[in-house]
Amino acid sequence: MKNILPRSVEAMSALLSTLPSIGPKTANRLTFFLLGRQEGELDEFGQAFINLKKNLVTCSKCFLISETDPCIICQDKSREQDKLVVVEEPLDVLAMEKAHWTGLYHVLGGQISPINNVSPDDLKIKELLMRLESGNIREVILATDTVLEGEATALYIDEQVNKAQKEGKLKGIKITRIARGLPVGGDLEYADELTLARALEGRRTYSNRD
């Protein structure tokens, strides 16, 4: 069938369809929605895309996307400096903030997934261990997703921290895992505030040791 759509419309739909959860039909609907906007609104969209990554850095402490290094969370001395939540992605930090977490963060940048060729070396796990060597952190809360890959990532971190403590590189660090309130197989970023708050309150000591 002959394509009757202008090339600019085709190009926009093709680009939108590369976004997560956006199929070809949804991409077409979004494209025609944009076509119905005023030119000034489209200019704002375009400028927002252009500026999206400008002036952004990755925090050298927690690896959150930020406008400053260290980020505003790492700079905030009023937060609990001895408690550290380990999350997979920056969006998880936003979820934890909505649950009124007052400690610090460490963003791994993903989860261990052999099927997707993601190994521990691809994540910020070495950086986490180096951060713990500062001696300020007393509790590490593993807040990775409760899917198989998230559990494997939590287990690996627990093993590495325990190993470092046995070797004398670390000491006095308690490992806990968020549990109550989060469904198995659920993603942290989609959890509501109350669920996350309860999960934090119900965290338990995490260890694979006998």
N, C-alpha and C. Protein backbone atom coordinates (compact mmCIF):
# COMPACT_ATOMS: atom_id res chain seq x y z
N MET A 1 0.85 -1.20 0.00
CA MET A 1 0.00 0.00 0.00
C MET A 1 0.88 1.25 0.00
N LYS A 2 0.50 2.20 -0.84
CA LYS A 2 1.27 3.42 -0.96
C LYS A 2 1.16 4.24 0.31
N ASN A 3 2.30 4.74 0.79
CA ASN A 3 2.30 5.54 2.02
C ASN A 3 1.91 6.97 1.68
N ILE A 4 0.85 7.46 2.31
CA ILE A 4 0.34 8.79 2.02
C ILE A 4 0.82 9.83 3.03
N LEU A 5 1.53 9.41 4.07
CA LEU A 5 1.97 10.34 5.11
C LEU A 5 3.20 11.11 4.67
N PRO A 6 3.26 12.39 5.00
CA PRO A 6 4.47 13.17 4.71
C PRO A 6 5.68 12.57 5.42
N ARG A 7 6.85 12.78 4.82
CA ARG A 7 8.06 12.20 5.38
C ARG A 7 8.36 12.70 6.80
N SER A 8 8.03 13.97 7.06
CA SER A 8 8.29 14.51 8.40
C SER A 8 7.42 13.83 9.45
N VAL A 9 6.17 13.49 9.07
CA VAL A 9 5.27 12.79 9.98
C VAL A 9 5.77 11.37 10.20
N GLU A 10 6.19 10.70 9.13
CA GLU A 10 6.74 9.35 9.25
C GLU A 10 7.97 9.33 10.15
N ALA A 11 8.83 10.34 9.98
CA ALA A 11 10.07 10.40 10.76
C ALA A 11 9.77 10.58 12.24
N MET A 12 8.80 11.45 12.56
CA MET A 12 8.45 11.69 13.96
C MET A 12 7.83 10.43 14.58
N SER A 13 6.93 9.77 13.85
CA SER A 13 6.31 8.54 14.36
C SER A 13 7.35 7.45 14.58
N ALA A 14 8.28 7.33 13.66
CA ALA A 14 9.33 6.31 13.80
C ALA A 14 10.19 6.60 15.01
N LEU A 15 10.48 7.86 15.27
CA LEU A 15 11.31 8.22 16.42
C LEU A 15 10.56 7.96 17.73
N LEU A 16 9.29 8.35 17.79
CA LEU A 16 8.49 8.14 19.00
C LEU A 16 8.31 6.66 19.31
N SER A 17 8.23 5.84 18.28
CA SER A 17 8.02 4.41 18.48
C SER A 17 9.23 3.71 19.10
N THR A 18 10.38 4.40 19.15
CA THR A 18 11.57 3.83 19.79
C THR A 18 11.54 4.02 21.31
N LEU A 19 10.60 4.81 21.82
CA LEU A 19 10.50 5.05 23.25
C LEU A 19 9.86 3.85 23.94
N PRO A 20 10.18 3.63 25.24
CA PRO A 20 9.60 2.50 25.97
C PRO A 20 8.08 2.56 25.99
N SER A 21 7.45 1.41 25.76
CA SER A 21 5.99 1.24 25.83
C SER A 21 5.23 2.00 24.75
N ILE A 22 5.93 2.52 23.75
CA ILE A 22 5.28 3.24 22.66
C ILE A 22 5.35 2.39 21.39
N GLY A 23 4.18 1.88 20.95
CA GLY A 23 4.11 1.12 19.70
C GLY A 23 3.81 2.03 18.53
N PRO A 24 3.79 1.48 17.33
CA PRO A 24 3.54 2.29 16.12
C PRO A 24 2.22 3.07 16.15
N LYS A 25 1.13 2.43 16.63
CA LYS A 25 -0.17 3.12 16.67
C LYS A 25 -0.14 4.29 17.65
N THR A 26 0.43 4.05 18.84
CA THR A 26 0.53 5.14 19.82
C THR A 26 1.43 6.25 19.30
N ALA A 27 2.52 5.88 18.62
CA ALA A 27 3.42 6.87 18.04
C ALA A 27 2.70 7.74 17.02
N ASN A 28 1.85 7.12 16.20
CA ASN A 28 1.08 7.89 15.22
C ASN A 28 0.10 8.84 15.90
N ARG A 29 -0.55 8.36 16.96
CA ARG A 29 -1.50 9.23 17.68
C ARG A 29 -0.78 10.42 18.30
N LEU A 30 0.38 10.17 18.88
CA LEU A 30 1.15 11.26 19.49
C LEU A 30 1.62 12.25 18.43
N THR A 31 2.02 11.74 17.28
CA THR A 31 2.48 12.62 16.21
C THR A 31 1.36 13.54 15.74
N PHE A 32 0.16 12.98 15.55
CA PHE A 32 -0.95 13.82 15.10
C PHE A 32 -1.45 14.75 16.21
N PHE A 33 -1.25 14.32 17.46
CA PHE A 33 -1.56 15.24 18.57
C PHE A 33 -0.64 16.46 18.49
N LEU A 34 0.65 16.20 18.26
CA LEU A 34 1.61 17.30 18.16
C LEU A 34 1.30 18.20 16.97
N LEU A 35 0.84 17.60 15.88
CA LEU A 35 0.49 18.40 14.70
C LEU A 35 -0.64 19.38 15.00
N GLY A 36 -1.47 19.05 15.98
CA GLY A 36 -2.59 19.92 16.34
C GLY A 36 -2.23 21.03 17.30
N ARG A 37 -0.97 21.03 17.78
CA ARG A 37 -0.54 22.08 18.70
C ARG A 37 -0.12 23.34 17.96
N GLN A 38 -0.12 24.47 18.69
CA GLN A 38 0.37 25.71 18.13
C GLN A 38 1.87 25.63 17.91
N GLU A 39 2.38 26.42 16.97
CA GLU A 39 3.80 26.37 16.64
C GLU A 39 4.68 26.72 17.85
N GLY A 40 4.18 27.65 18.67
CA GLY A 40 4.95 28.03 19.86
C GLY A 40 5.10 26.87 20.84
N GLU A 41 4.04 26.05 20.96
CA GLU A 41 4.11 24.89 21.84
C GLU A 41 5.12 23.87 21.31
N LEU A 42 5.12 23.68 19.99
CA LEU A 42 6.08 22.75 19.39
C LEU A 42 7.51 23.24 19.59
N ASP A 43 7.70 24.56 19.53
CA ASP A 43 9.03 25.12 19.77
C ASP A 43 9.49 24.81 21.19
N GLU A 44 8.54 24.87 22.16
CA GLU A 44 8.88 24.55 23.55
C GLU A 44 9.27 23.09 23.69
N PHE A 45 8.52 22.20 22.99
CA PHE A 45 8.87 20.78 23.00
C PHE A 45 10.28 20.58 22.45
N GLY A 46 10.52 21.19 21.31
CA GLY A 46 11.83 21.03 20.67
C GLY A 46 12.96 21.54 21.54
N GLN A 47 12.76 22.70 22.17
CA GLN A 47 13.80 23.27 23.02
C GLN A 47 14.04 22.41 24.25
N ALA A 48 12.95 21.82 24.77
CA ALA A 48 13.10 20.94 25.93
C ALA A 48 13.94 19.72 25.58
N PHE A 49 13.75 19.17 24.38
CA PHE A 49 14.57 18.04 23.93
C PHE A 49 16.02 18.45 23.78
N ILE A 50 16.24 19.62 23.21
CA ILE A 50 17.61 20.11 22.99
C ILE A 50 18.33 20.31 24.32
N ASN A 51 17.61 20.82 25.32
CA ASN A 51 18.23 21.16 26.60
C ASN A 51 18.27 19.99 27.58
N LEU A 52 17.66 18.85 27.21
CA LEU A 52 17.50 17.75 28.15
C LEU A 52 18.81 17.34 28.82
N LYS A 53 19.87 17.18 28.05
CA LYS A 53 21.12 16.69 28.60
C LYS A 53 22.16 17.79 28.82
N LYS A 54 21.79 19.01 28.50
CA LYS A 54 22.72 20.12 28.71
C LYS A 54 22.87 20.42 30.19
N ASN A 55 24.09 20.71 30.61
CA ASN A 55 24.39 21.11 31.99
C ASN A 55 24.07 20.03 33.01
N LEU A 56 23.98 18.77 32.57
CA LEU A 56 23.75 17.68 33.51
C LEU A 56 25.04 16.90 33.72
N VAL A 57 25.23 16.44 34.94
CA VAL A 57 26.40 15.63 35.29
C VAL A 57 25.93 14.43 36.11
N THR A 58 26.80 13.48 36.27
CA THR A 58 26.54 12.35 37.15
C THR A 58 27.27 12.59 38.46
N CYS A 59 26.54 12.54 39.56
CA CYS A 59 27.15 12.77 40.87
C CYS A 59 28.26 11.74 41.09
N SER A 60 29.43 12.21 41.47
CA SER A 60 30.57 11.31 41.66
C SER A 60 30.48 10.50 42.94
N LYS A 61 29.51 10.81 43.80
CA LYS A 61 29.33 10.05 45.05
C LYS A 61 28.24 8.99 44.92
N CYS A 62 27.05 9.42 44.50
CA CYS A 62 25.91 8.49 44.48
C CYS A 62 25.50 8.08 43.07
N PHE A 63 26.03 8.77 42.03
CA PHE A 63 25.76 8.47 40.63
C PHE A 63 24.34 8.80 40.20
N LEU A 64 23.73 9.76 40.89
CA LEU A 64 22.44 10.29 40.47
C LEU A 64 22.68 11.37 39.41
N ILE A 65 21.76 11.49 38.44
CA ILE A 65 21.84 12.56 37.46
C ILE A 65 21.54 13.88 38.16
N SER A 66 22.38 14.88 37.93
CA SER A 66 22.25 16.13 38.69
C SER A 66 22.77 17.30 37.89
N GLU A 67 22.52 18.50 38.40
CA GLU A 67 23.09 19.71 37.80
C GLU A 67 24.37 20.11 38.51
N THR A 68 24.66 19.47 39.64
CA THR A 68 25.87 19.78 40.41
C THR A 68 26.56 18.49 40.81
N ASP A 69 27.84 18.59 41.11
CA ASP A 69 28.61 17.45 41.60
C ASP A 69 29.41 17.90 42.83
N PRO A 70 29.09 17.40 44.02
CA PRO A 70 28.07 16.40 44.35
C PRO A 70 26.65 16.93 44.14
N CYS A 71 25.71 16.00 44.08
CA CYS A 71 24.30 16.38 43.88
C CYS A 71 23.76 17.03 45.16
N ILE A 72 22.56 17.58 45.08
CA ILE A 72 22.00 18.29 46.23
C ILE A 72 21.73 17.35 47.41
N ILE A 73 21.48 16.07 47.12
CA ILE A 73 21.24 15.13 48.21
C ILE A 73 22.54 14.84 48.96
N CYS A 74 23.61 14.60 48.22
CA CYS A 74 24.90 14.33 48.86
C CYS A 74 25.44 15.56 49.59
N GLN A 75 25.04 16.74 49.15
CA GLN A 75 25.48 17.97 49.81
C GLN A 75 24.70 18.28 51.08
N ASP A 76 23.54 17.66 51.23
CA ASP A 76 22.63 17.97 52.34
C ASP A 76 23.09 17.29 53.63
N LYS A 77 23.69 18.04 54.52
CA LYS A 77 24.22 17.50 55.78
C LYS A 77 23.13 17.17 56.79
N SER A 78 21.89 17.59 56.51
CA SER A 78 20.80 17.30 57.43
C SER A 78 20.27 15.87 57.25
N ARG A 79 20.65 15.22 56.17
CA ARG A 79 20.21 13.85 55.94
C ARG A 79 21.01 12.90 56.82
N GLU A 80 20.47 11.70 57.05
CA GLU A 80 21.15 10.71 57.88
C GLU A 80 22.38 10.18 57.12
N GLN A 81 23.54 10.56 57.61
CA GLN A 81 24.77 10.25 56.89
C GLN A 81 25.25 8.81 57.08
N ASP A 82 24.65 8.08 58.00
CA ASP A 82 25.10 6.72 58.28
C ASP A 82 24.21 5.65 57.67
N LYS A 83 23.18 6.06 56.89
CA LYS A 83 22.27 5.11 56.26
C LYS A 83 22.28 5.33 54.75
N LEU A 84 22.44 4.23 54.02
CA LEU A 84 22.59 4.31 52.57
C LEU A 84 21.65 3.32 51.89
N VAL A 85 20.77 3.83 51.04
CA VAL A 85 19.88 2.97 50.25
C VAL A 85 20.52 2.73 48.88
N VAL A 86 20.63 1.46 48.51
CA VAL A 86 21.17 1.09 47.21
C VAL A 86 20.02 0.81 46.26
N VAL A 87 19.94 1.57 45.17
CA VAL A 87 18.87 1.40 44.18
C VAL A 87 19.47 1.12 42.81
N GLU A 88 18.62 0.72 41.89
CA GLU A 88 19.09 0.37 40.56
C GLU A 88 19.20 1.58 39.64
N GLU A 89 18.20 2.44 39.64
CA GLU A 89 18.12 3.52 38.67
C GLU A 89 17.76 4.85 39.34
N PRO A 90 18.07 5.98 38.68
CA PRO A 90 17.70 7.29 39.22
C PRO A 90 16.21 7.43 39.53
N LEU A 91 15.34 6.82 38.72
CA LEU A 91 13.90 6.90 39.00
C LEU A 91 13.54 6.31 40.35
N ASP A 92 14.33 5.33 40.81
CA ASP A 92 14.09 4.74 42.12
C ASP A 92 14.34 5.75 43.23
N VAL A 93 15.27 6.67 43.01
CA VAL A 93 15.54 7.72 44.00
C VAL A 93 14.31 8.61 44.16
N LEU A 94 13.67 8.94 43.04
CA LEU A 94 12.46 9.77 43.11
C LEU A 94 11.38 9.06 43.91
N ALA A 95 11.26 7.75 43.70
CA ALA A 95 10.25 6.98 44.44
C ALA A 95 10.56 6.98 45.94
N MET A 96 11.82 6.81 46.30
CA MET A 96 12.21 6.79 47.71
C MET A 96 12.01 8.16 48.36
N GLU A 97 12.27 9.21 47.61
CA GLU A 97 12.06 10.55 48.14
C GLU A 97 10.59 10.80 48.46
N LYS A 98 9.70 10.27 47.62
CA LYS A 98 8.27 10.41 47.88
C LYS A 98 7.86 9.66 49.14
N ALA A 99 8.63 8.63 49.48
CA ALA A 99 8.36 7.87 50.70
C ALA A 99 9.04 8.51 51.92
N HIS A 100 9.62 9.71 51.72
CA HIS A 100 10.22 10.51 52.79
C HIS A 100 11.46 9.85 53.40
N TRP A 101 12.25 9.17 52.56
CA TRP A 101 13.52 8.65 53.03
C TRP A 101 14.46 9.81 53.29
N THR A 102 15.19 9.77 54.41
CA THR A 102 16.03 10.89 54.81
C THR A 102 17.52 10.55 54.84
N GLY A 103 17.86 9.36 54.36
CA GLY A 103 19.26 8.98 54.31
C GLY A 103 19.88 9.29 52.96
N LEU A 104 20.95 8.57 52.62
CA LEU A 104 21.67 8.78 51.37
C LEU A 104 21.34 7.68 50.36
N TYR A 105 21.89 7.83 49.15
CA TYR A 105 21.61 6.88 48.07
C TYR A 105 22.90 6.43 47.40
N HIS A 106 22.79 5.29 46.72
CA HIS A 106 23.83 4.85 45.79
C HIS A 106 23.11 4.21 44.61
N VAL A 107 23.30 4.76 43.41
CA VAL A 107 22.63 4.29 42.21
C VAL A 107 23.56 3.34 41.46
N LEU A 108 23.12 2.10 41.30
CA LEU A 108 23.95 1.08 40.66
C LEU A 108 24.03 1.24 39.15
N GLY A 109 22.97 1.73 38.55
CA GLY A 109 22.94 1.84 37.11
C GLY A 109 22.40 0.59 36.42
N GLY A 110 21.62 -0.21 37.16
CA GLY A 110 21.03 -1.41 36.58
C GLY A 110 21.05 -2.57 37.56
N GLN A 111 20.91 -3.78 37.02
CA GLN A 111 20.91 -4.98 37.83
C GLN A 111 21.71 -6.07 37.11
N ILE A 112 22.29 -6.97 37.87
CA ILE A 112 23.04 -8.07 37.28
C ILE A 112 22.10 -8.93 36.45
N SER A 113 22.44 -9.13 35.19
CA SER A 113 21.57 -9.89 34.29
C SER A 113 22.42 -10.57 33.22
N PRO A 114 22.86 -11.81 33.48
CA PRO A 114 23.67 -12.53 32.49
C PRO A 114 23.00 -12.64 31.13
N ILE A 115 21.67 -12.79 31.12
CA ILE A 115 20.96 -12.93 29.86
C ILE A 115 21.05 -11.66 29.01
N ASN A 116 21.24 -10.52 29.68
CA ASN A 116 21.40 -9.24 28.98
C ASN A 116 22.85 -8.77 28.97
N ASN A 117 23.76 -9.68 29.31
CA ASN A 117 25.20 -9.39 29.32
C ASN A 117 25.57 -8.25 30.28
N VAL A 118 24.86 -8.17 31.41
CA VAL A 118 25.19 -7.17 32.43
C VAL A 118 25.83 -7.90 33.61
N SER A 119 27.10 -7.64 33.84
CA SER A 119 27.85 -8.28 34.92
C SER A 119 28.03 -7.30 36.07
N PRO A 120 28.51 -7.77 37.22
CA PRO A 120 28.77 -6.85 38.34
C PRO A 120 29.72 -5.72 37.98
N ASP A 121 30.65 -5.99 37.06
CA ASP A 121 31.60 -4.96 36.66
C ASP A 121 30.95 -3.83 35.87
N ASP A 122 29.76 -4.09 35.34
CA ASP A 122 29.04 -3.06 34.57
C ASP A 122 28.26 -2.12 35.48
N LEU A 123 28.15 -2.46 36.76
CA LEU A 123 27.40 -1.66 37.72
C LEU A 123 28.36 -0.93 38.66
N LYS A 124 27.80 -0.02 39.46
CA LYS A 124 28.62 0.78 40.38
C LYS A 124 28.78 0.07 41.73
N ILE A 125 29.15 -1.22 41.66
CA ILE A 125 29.32 -1.99 42.89
C ILE A 125 30.70 -1.75 43.50
N LYS A 126 31.73 -1.71 42.68
CA LYS A 126 33.07 -1.41 43.20
C LYS A 126 33.09 -0.04 43.85
N GLU A 127 32.40 0.90 43.20
CA GLU A 127 32.32 2.26 43.76
C GLU A 127 31.58 2.26 45.09
N LEU A 128 30.58 1.40 45.22
CA LEU A 128 29.85 1.28 46.48
C LEU A 128 30.78 0.79 47.60
N LEU A 129 31.56 -0.24 47.30
CA LEU A 129 32.49 -0.78 48.31
C LEU A 129 33.53 0.26 48.71
N MET A 130 34.02 1.02 47.74
CA MET A 130 34.98 2.09 48.04
C MET A 130 34.33 3.15 48.91
N ARG A 131 33.07 3.44 48.65
CA ARG A 131 32.35 4.44 49.43
C ARG A 131 32.18 3.98 50.87
N LEU A 132 31.92 2.69 51.06
CA LEU A 132 31.73 2.15 52.40
C LEU A 132 33.03 2.19 53.21
N GLU A 133 34.16 2.18 52.52
CA GLU A 133 35.44 2.21 53.21
C GLU A 133 35.70 3.54 53.92
N SER A 134 34.87 4.55 53.60
CA SER A 134 35.03 5.85 54.26
C SER A 134 34.75 5.75 55.75
N GLY A 135 33.96 4.72 56.15
CA GLY A 135 33.68 4.50 57.56
C GLY A 135 32.48 5.23 58.11
N ASN A 136 31.80 6.02 57.28
CA ASN A 136 30.65 6.80 57.76
C ASN A 136 29.35 6.01 57.75
N ILE A 137 29.24 5.04 56.85
CA ILE A 137 28.00 4.29 56.67
C ILE A 137 27.92 3.14 57.67
N ARG A 138 26.78 3.03 58.37
CA ARG A 138 26.56 1.97 59.34
C ARG A 138 25.50 0.97 58.87
N GLU A 139 24.61 1.39 57.97
CA GLU A 139 23.60 0.49 57.45
C GLU A 139 23.45 0.67 55.95
N VAL A 140 23.49 -0.44 55.23
CA VAL A 140 23.25 -0.45 53.78
C VAL A 140 21.92 -1.15 53.54
N ILE A 141 20.97 -0.43 52.95
CA ILE A 141 19.64 -0.97 52.69
C ILE A 141 19.54 -1.31 51.21
N LEU A 142 19.38 -2.58 50.90
CA LEU A 142 19.32 -3.04 49.52
C LEU A 142 17.90 -2.89 49.01
N ALA A 143 17.71 -1.94 48.09
CA ALA A 143 16.37 -1.64 47.57
C ALA A 143 16.29 -1.95 46.08
N THR A 144 16.97 -3.01 45.66
CA THR A 144 16.84 -3.45 44.28
C THR A 144 15.46 -4.09 44.08
N ASP A 145 15.05 -4.19 42.82
CA ASP A 145 13.73 -4.75 42.52
C ASP A 145 13.64 -6.19 43.00
N THR A 146 12.40 -6.65 43.24
CA THR A 146 12.20 -7.98 43.79
C THR A 146 12.08 -9.06 42.71
N VAL A 147 12.46 -8.74 41.48
CA VAL A 147 12.53 -9.76 40.44
C VAL A 147 13.81 -10.56 40.63
N LEU A 148 13.98 -11.64 39.84
CA LEU A 148 15.13 -12.53 39.99
C LEU A 148 16.45 -11.79 39.88
N GLU A 149 16.55 -10.89 38.88
CA GLU A 149 17.80 -10.16 38.67
C GLU A 149 18.08 -9.20 39.83
N GLY A 150 17.03 -8.59 40.36
CA GLY A 150 17.21 -7.69 41.49
C GLY A 150 17.65 -8.42 42.73
N GLU A 151 17.09 -9.62 42.95
CA GLU A 151 17.49 -10.43 44.10
C GLU A 151 18.94 -10.90 43.95
N ALA A 152 19.32 -11.27 42.72
CA ALA A 152 20.70 -11.70 42.47
C ALA A 152 21.67 -10.56 42.72
N THR A 153 21.27 -9.36 42.37
CA THR A 153 22.12 -8.19 42.58
C THR A 153 22.29 -7.92 44.08
N ALA A 154 21.18 -8.01 44.83
CA ALA A 154 21.24 -7.81 46.28
C ALA A 154 22.13 -8.87 46.94
N LEU A 155 21.99 -10.10 46.49
CA LEU A 155 22.79 -11.20 47.05
C LEU A 155 24.27 -10.98 46.78
N TYR A 156 24.60 -10.55 45.58
CA TYR A 156 26.01 -10.31 45.24
C TYR A 156 26.61 -9.20 46.10
N ILE A 157 25.85 -8.12 46.27
CA ILE A 157 26.35 -7.00 47.09
C ILE A 157 26.56 -7.46 48.53
N ASP A 158 25.60 -8.21 49.05
CA ASP A 158 25.71 -8.73 50.41
C ASP A 158 26.98 -9.59 50.56
N GLU A 159 27.23 -10.45 49.59
CA GLU A 159 28.42 -11.30 49.63
C GLU A 159 29.70 -10.47 49.60
N GLN A 160 29.72 -9.44 48.77
CA GLN A 160 30.92 -8.61 48.65
C GLN A 160 31.18 -7.80 49.91
N VAL A 161 30.11 -7.29 50.53
CA VAL A 161 30.27 -6.53 51.77
C VAL A 161 30.74 -7.44 52.90
N ASN A 162 30.13 -8.63 53.00
CA ASN A 162 30.55 -9.59 54.03
C ASN A 162 32.00 -10.02 53.83
N LYS A 163 32.39 -10.23 52.60
CA LYS A 163 33.77 -10.61 52.29
C LYS A 163 34.74 -9.51 52.72
N ALA A 164 34.38 -8.27 52.40
CA ALA A 164 35.24 -7.13 52.77
C ALA A 164 35.34 -6.97 54.28
N GLN A 165 34.25 -7.28 54.99
CA GLN A 165 34.28 -7.17 56.46
C GLN A 165 35.15 -8.27 57.06
N LYS A 166 35.10 -9.47 56.48
CA LYS A 166 35.95 -10.56 56.97
C LYS A 166 37.43 -10.26 56.72
N GLU A 167 37.71 -9.56 55.63
CA GLU A 167 39.09 -9.21 55.30
C GLU A 167 39.57 -7.98 56.04
N GLY A 168 38.67 -7.37 56.81
CA GLY A 168 39.05 -6.20 57.59
C GLY A 168 39.01 -4.89 56.83
N LYS A 169 38.54 -4.92 55.58
CA LYS A 169 38.46 -3.68 54.80
C LYS A 169 37.28 -2.82 55.25
N LEU A 170 36.25 -3.49 55.75
CA LEU A 170 35.06 -2.82 56.26
C LEU A 170 34.75 -3.38 57.63
N LYS A 171 34.04 -2.59 58.43
CA LYS A 171 33.60 -3.10 59.72
C LYS A 171 32.37 -2.35 60.21
N GLY A 172 31.54 -3.08 60.97
CA GLY A 172 30.38 -2.47 61.60
C GLY A 172 29.26 -2.08 60.67
N ILE A 173 29.17 -2.72 59.50
CA ILE A 173 28.12 -2.38 58.54
C ILE A 173 27.03 -3.45 58.56
N LYS A 174 25.80 -3.00 58.77
CA LYS A 174 24.65 -3.89 58.76
C LYS A 174 23.99 -3.84 57.39
N ILE A 175 23.70 -5.02 56.83
CA ILE A 175 23.02 -5.09 55.54
C ILE A 175 21.56 -5.45 55.78
N THR A 176 20.65 -4.63 55.27
CA THR A 176 19.22 -4.93 55.37
C THR A 176 18.61 -4.92 53.97
N ARG A 177 17.43 -5.49 53.87
CA ARG A 177 16.75 -5.60 52.58
C ARG A 177 15.30 -5.16 52.75
N ILE A 178 14.83 -4.24 51.91
CA ILE A 178 13.43 -3.86 51.99
C ILE A 178 12.59 -5.08 51.63
N ALA A 179 11.50 -5.27 52.35
CA ALA A 179 10.71 -6.48 52.13
C ALA A 179 9.22 -6.20 52.20
N ARG A 180 8.71 -5.97 53.40
CA ARG A 180 7.27 -5.86 53.60
C ARG A 180 6.68 -4.72 52.79
N GLY A 181 5.64 -5.08 52.03
CA GLY A 181 4.95 -4.04 51.27
C GLY A 181 5.25 -4.07 49.79
N LEU A 182 6.39 -4.60 49.39
CA LEU A 182 6.70 -4.66 47.97
C LEU A 182 6.36 -6.04 47.41
N PRO A 183 5.53 -6.11 46.39
CA PRO A 183 5.17 -7.41 45.83
C PRO A 183 6.33 -8.04 45.09
N VAL A 184 6.40 -9.37 45.11
CA VAL A 184 7.43 -10.08 44.36
C VAL A 184 7.22 -9.82 42.88
N GLY A 185 8.29 -9.46 42.20
CA GLY A 185 8.20 -9.17 40.77
C GLY A 185 7.85 -7.72 40.48
N GLY A 186 7.70 -6.89 41.52
CA GLY A 186 7.32 -5.49 41.32
C GLY A 186 8.52 -4.60 41.12
N ASP A 187 8.36 -3.51 40.36
CA ASP A 187 9.41 -2.53 40.14
C ASP A 187 9.28 -1.41 41.17
N LEU A 188 10.39 -1.00 41.73
CA LEU A 188 10.40 0.01 42.78
C LEU A 188 9.79 1.33 42.31
N GLU A 189 10.09 1.71 41.07
CA GLU A 189 9.66 3.03 40.60
C GLU A 189 8.15 3.16 40.49
N TYR A 190 7.41 2.01 40.44
CA TYR A 190 5.97 2.04 40.31
C TYR A 190 5.24 1.90 41.64
N ALA A 191 5.99 1.72 42.72
CA ALA A 191 5.37 1.55 44.04
C ALA A 191 4.86 2.89 44.56
N ASP A 192 3.73 2.87 45.28
CA ASP A 192 3.20 4.11 45.84
C ASP A 192 3.94 4.46 47.12
N GLU A 193 3.71 5.67 47.60
CA GLU A 193 4.46 6.19 48.75
C GLU A 193 4.25 5.35 50.00
N LEU A 194 3.00 4.97 50.28
CA LEU A 194 2.70 4.21 51.49
C LEU A 194 3.38 2.84 51.45
N THR A 195 3.33 2.18 50.29
CA THR A 195 3.96 0.87 50.14
C THR A 195 5.46 0.96 50.41
N LEU A 196 6.10 1.99 49.86
CA LEU A 196 7.54 2.15 50.06
C LEU A 196 7.86 2.47 51.51
N ALA A 197 7.06 3.32 52.12
CA ALA A 197 7.29 3.67 53.51
C ALA A 197 7.21 2.44 54.41
N ARG A 198 6.21 1.57 54.16
CA ARG A 198 6.07 0.35 54.94
C ARG A 198 7.22 -0.61 54.68
N ALA A 199 7.68 -0.65 53.43
CA ALA A 199 8.80 -1.52 53.09
C ALA A 199 10.06 -1.09 53.83
N LEU A 200 10.25 0.22 53.95
CA LEU A 200 11.41 0.73 54.70
C LEU A 200 11.30 0.41 56.18
N GLU A 201 10.11 0.60 56.72
CA GLU A 201 9.90 0.32 58.15
C GLU A 201 10.10 -1.17 58.45
N GLY A 202 9.73 -2.03 57.49
CA GLY A 202 9.82 -3.47 57.72
C GLY A 202 11.08 -4.11 57.20
N ARG A 203 12.11 -3.31 56.94
CA ARG A 203 13.35 -3.90 56.43
C ARG A 203 13.95 -4.86 57.46
N ARG A 204 14.65 -5.84 56.94
CA ARG A 204 15.21 -6.89 57.81
C ARG A 204 16.68 -7.08 57.53
N THR A 205 17.37 -7.71 58.44
CA THR A 205 18.77 -8.02 58.23
C THR A 205 18.88 -8.94 57.03
N TYR A 206 19.81 -8.64 56.14
CA TYR A 206 19.94 -9.41 54.91
C TYR A 206 21.29 -10.10 54.88
N SER A 207 21.28 -11.42 54.80
CA SER A 207 22.51 -12.16 54.69
C SER A 207 22.21 -13.55 54.19
N ASN A 208 23.09 -14.08 53.37
CA ASN A 208 22.95 -15.44 52.88
C ASN A 208 23.78 -16.42 53.70
N ARG A 209 24.34 -15.93 54.79
CA ARG A 209 25.17 -16.79 55.62
C ARG A 209 24.32 -17.71 56.49
N ASP A 210 24.86 -18.88 56.83
CA ASP A 210 24.14 -19.81 57.70
C ASP A 210 24.09 -19.28 59.12
